[in-house]
Amino acid sequence: MAEPVISSEQSNARILRGECFCRAVAYEVVDAFEYAMNCHCSNCRRATGSAFKPFAGIARDRLQLVRGDHDLLIHGEVSPQSPHDVHCKRCGSLLWSVVRDGAFVHVAMGTLTDPPSIRPTAHIFVGSRASWHQITDDLPQYVGHVT
């Protein structure tokens, strides 16, 4: 089976699929992420229930909801420019976060059903990492944002 593609200027871009745990919400995103990191901040840890959130960043217009628009739960200000998290209201899965004045999304990499070509390149907010978690890889570590 051939990989789906986007028309126009992204004619050769691979499309990745993602979905929530209960599969009520699904999205597609271009496999052209600009960066990927593991975030250890307390908000990401609480949102995922994990030691960190692996995420991949991409321009917001490169992600498209394909199923479940009535099953979305927005946590944060409901404004296109305000930062907020997008969850499935049925199962609670964190799907993506809207960031950078609404211009980008941080896709929760664990919700991708297709493998992306990018891998996390750093750990951020390790200054607030879970005390019970030890980082054992060789990726660079930053106390806060990458500068």
Protein backbone atom coordinates (compact mmCIF):
# COMPACT_ATOMS: atom_id res chain seq x y z
CA MET A 1 0.00 0.00 0.00
CA ALA A 2 1.39 3.40 -0.96
CA GLU A 3 2.03 6.10 1.64
CA PRO A 4 -0.54 8.93 1.57
CA VAL A 5 0.81 12.26 0.34
CA ILE A 6 -0.19 15.89 0.46
CA SER A 7 -0.70 17.84 -2.73
CA SER A 8 0.73 21.26 -3.62
CA GLU A 9 4.12 22.38 -2.35
CA GLN A 10 4.44 19.35 -0.05
CA SER A 11 3.88 16.85 -2.86
CA ASN A 12 6.49 14.36 -1.66
CA ALA A 13 5.84 14.71 2.07
CA ARG A 14 4.87 11.57 3.93
CA ILE A 15 1.74 11.81 6.05
CA LEU A 16 1.75 10.28 9.53
CA ARG A 17 -1.35 9.18 11.36
CA GLY A 18 -2.02 9.50 15.06
CA GLU A 19 -4.87 8.78 17.42
CA CYS A 20 -5.93 8.69 21.03
CA PHE A 21 -6.10 5.56 23.20
CA CYS A 22 -9.82 4.91 22.54
CA ARG A 23 -9.45 5.82 18.85
CA ALA A 24 -12.29 8.37 18.94
CA VAL A 25 -9.93 11.14 17.81
CA ALA A 26 -7.51 10.82 14.90
CA TYR A 27 -5.22 13.24 13.12
CA GLU A 28 -2.75 13.40 10.27
CA VAL A 29 0.49 15.35 10.29
CA VAL A 30 3.19 15.92 7.70
CA ASP A 31 6.40 14.04 8.51
CA ALA A 32 8.38 17.28 8.45
CA PHE A 33 8.84 18.02 12.15
CA GLU A 34 11.29 20.85 12.84
CA TYR A 35 12.46 19.56 16.23
CA ALA A 36 11.78 16.84 18.78
CA MET A 37 12.64 16.71 22.48
CA ASN A 38 11.81 15.04 25.77
CA CYS A 39 10.20 17.52 28.16
CA HIS A 40 10.57 16.86 31.88
CA CYS A 41 8.59 19.88 33.15
CA SER A 42 5.99 19.21 35.82
CA ASN A 43 3.11 20.17 33.50
CA CYS A 44 4.14 17.62 30.85
CA ARG A 45 4.69 14.96 33.52
CA ARG A 46 1.21 15.55 34.96
CA ALA A 47 -0.45 15.69 31.52
CA THR A 48 1.09 12.37 30.46
CA GLY A 49 1.34 10.55 33.78
CA SER A 50 4.94 9.78 32.86
CA ALA A 51 8.48 10.89 33.66
CA PHE A 52 8.59 13.06 30.53
CA LYS A 53 6.73 13.87 27.33
CA PRO A 54 8.44 13.08 24.03
CA PHE A 55 7.13 15.67 21.58
CA ALA A 56 7.78 16.80 18.02
CA GLY A 57 7.22 20.39 16.89
CA ILE A 58 5.70 21.47 13.61
CA ALA A 59 3.78 24.41 12.15
CA ARG A 60 0.16 24.20 13.24
CA ASP A 61 -1.23 24.19 9.70
CA ARG A 62 0.60 20.92 8.96
CA LEU A 63 -1.62 18.94 11.35
CA GLN A 64 -5.18 18.06 10.42
CA LEU A 65 -7.89 16.51 12.58
CA VAL A 66 -9.51 13.68 10.61
CA ARG A 67 -11.86 12.18 13.19
CA GLY A 68 -13.46 13.18 16.47
CA ASP A 69 -13.84 16.95 16.36
CA HIS A 70 -16.72 16.65 18.87
CA ASP A 71 -14.57 14.48 21.13
CA LEU A 72 -11.87 17.09 21.77
CA LEU A 73 -11.20 18.55 25.18
CA ILE A 74 -9.19 21.77 25.25
CA HIS A 75 -7.22 22.45 28.44
CA GLY A 76 -6.16 26.09 28.73
CA GLU A 77 -7.47 29.23 27.08
CA VAL A 78 -9.63 28.52 24.06
CA SER A 79 -7.95 31.00 21.76
CA PRO A 80 -5.98 30.30 18.59
CA GLN A 81 -2.96 32.23 19.92
CA SER A 82 -3.03 31.05 23.54
CA PRO A 83 -1.12 27.96 24.62
CA HIS A 84 -3.39 25.01 25.28
CA ASP A 85 -3.44 21.22 25.28
CA VAL A 86 -5.73 19.14 23.09
CA HIS A 87 -7.02 15.90 24.63
CA CYS A 88 -9.62 13.29 23.78
CA LYS A 89 -12.54 13.95 26.12
CA ARG A 90 -13.46 10.24 26.14
CA CYS A 91 -10.15 8.67 27.18
CA GLY A 92 -8.12 11.72 28.24
CA SER A 93 -5.17 11.14 25.89
CA LEU A 94 -3.00 14.21 25.37
CA LEU A 95 -2.67 14.50 21.59
CA TRP A 96 -0.87 17.80 21.03
CA SER A 97 -0.16 21.18 22.59
CA VAL A 98 -0.61 24.51 20.81
CA VAL A 99 2.46 26.68 21.48
CA ARG A 100 4.51 29.64 20.22
CA ASP A 101 1.59 32.08 19.94
CA GLY A 102 -0.54 29.46 18.19
CA ALA A 103 1.88 28.99 15.29
CA PHE A 104 3.16 25.53 16.27
CA VAL A 105 1.92 22.29 17.77
CA HIS A 106 3.91 19.90 19.91
CA VAL A 107 2.62 16.47 18.94
CA ALA A 108 2.79 13.90 21.73
CA MET A 109 4.94 11.34 19.93
CA GLY A 110 3.34 8.42 21.74
CA THR A 111 0.06 9.10 19.92
CA LEU A 112 1.61 8.64 16.47
CA THR A 113 0.63 5.31 14.91
CA ASP A 114 3.17 5.72 12.10
CA PRO A 115 6.88 6.11 12.89
CA PRO A 116 8.21 9.64 12.35
CA SER A 117 11.55 10.25 10.70
CA ILE A 118 12.65 12.51 13.57
CA ARG A 119 13.86 11.41 17.01
CA PRO A 120 14.20 13.51 20.18
CA THR A 121 17.52 15.35 20.24
CA ALA A 122 17.55 16.71 23.80
CA HIS A 123 16.00 16.63 27.26
CA ILE A 124 14.51 19.95 28.40
CA PHE A 125 13.43 21.17 31.83
CA VAL A 126 15.59 18.57 33.54
CA GLY A 127 15.77 21.01 36.46
CA SER A 128 12.25 19.85 37.34
CA ARG A 129 12.52 16.21 36.30
CA ALA A 130 10.93 13.56 38.49
CA SER A 131 13.30 12.70 41.34
CA TRP A 132 12.62 8.99 40.80
CA HIS A 133 13.66 9.09 37.12
CA GLN A 134 17.25 8.86 35.90
CA ILE A 135 18.14 9.95 32.37
CA THR A 136 20.38 7.24 30.98
CA ASP A 137 20.96 8.28 27.35
CA ASP A 138 23.60 10.62 25.97
CA LEU A 139 21.27 13.34 24.65
CA PRO A 140 22.07 16.91 25.77
CA GLN A 141 20.23 18.04 28.90
CA TYR A 142 18.94 21.57 29.53
CA VAL A 143 17.67 22.98 32.83
CA GLY A 144 14.93 24.90 30.96
CA HIS A 145 14.23 25.64 27.31
CA VAL A 146 16.91 25.07 24.71
CA THR A 147 18.58 28.42 24.10
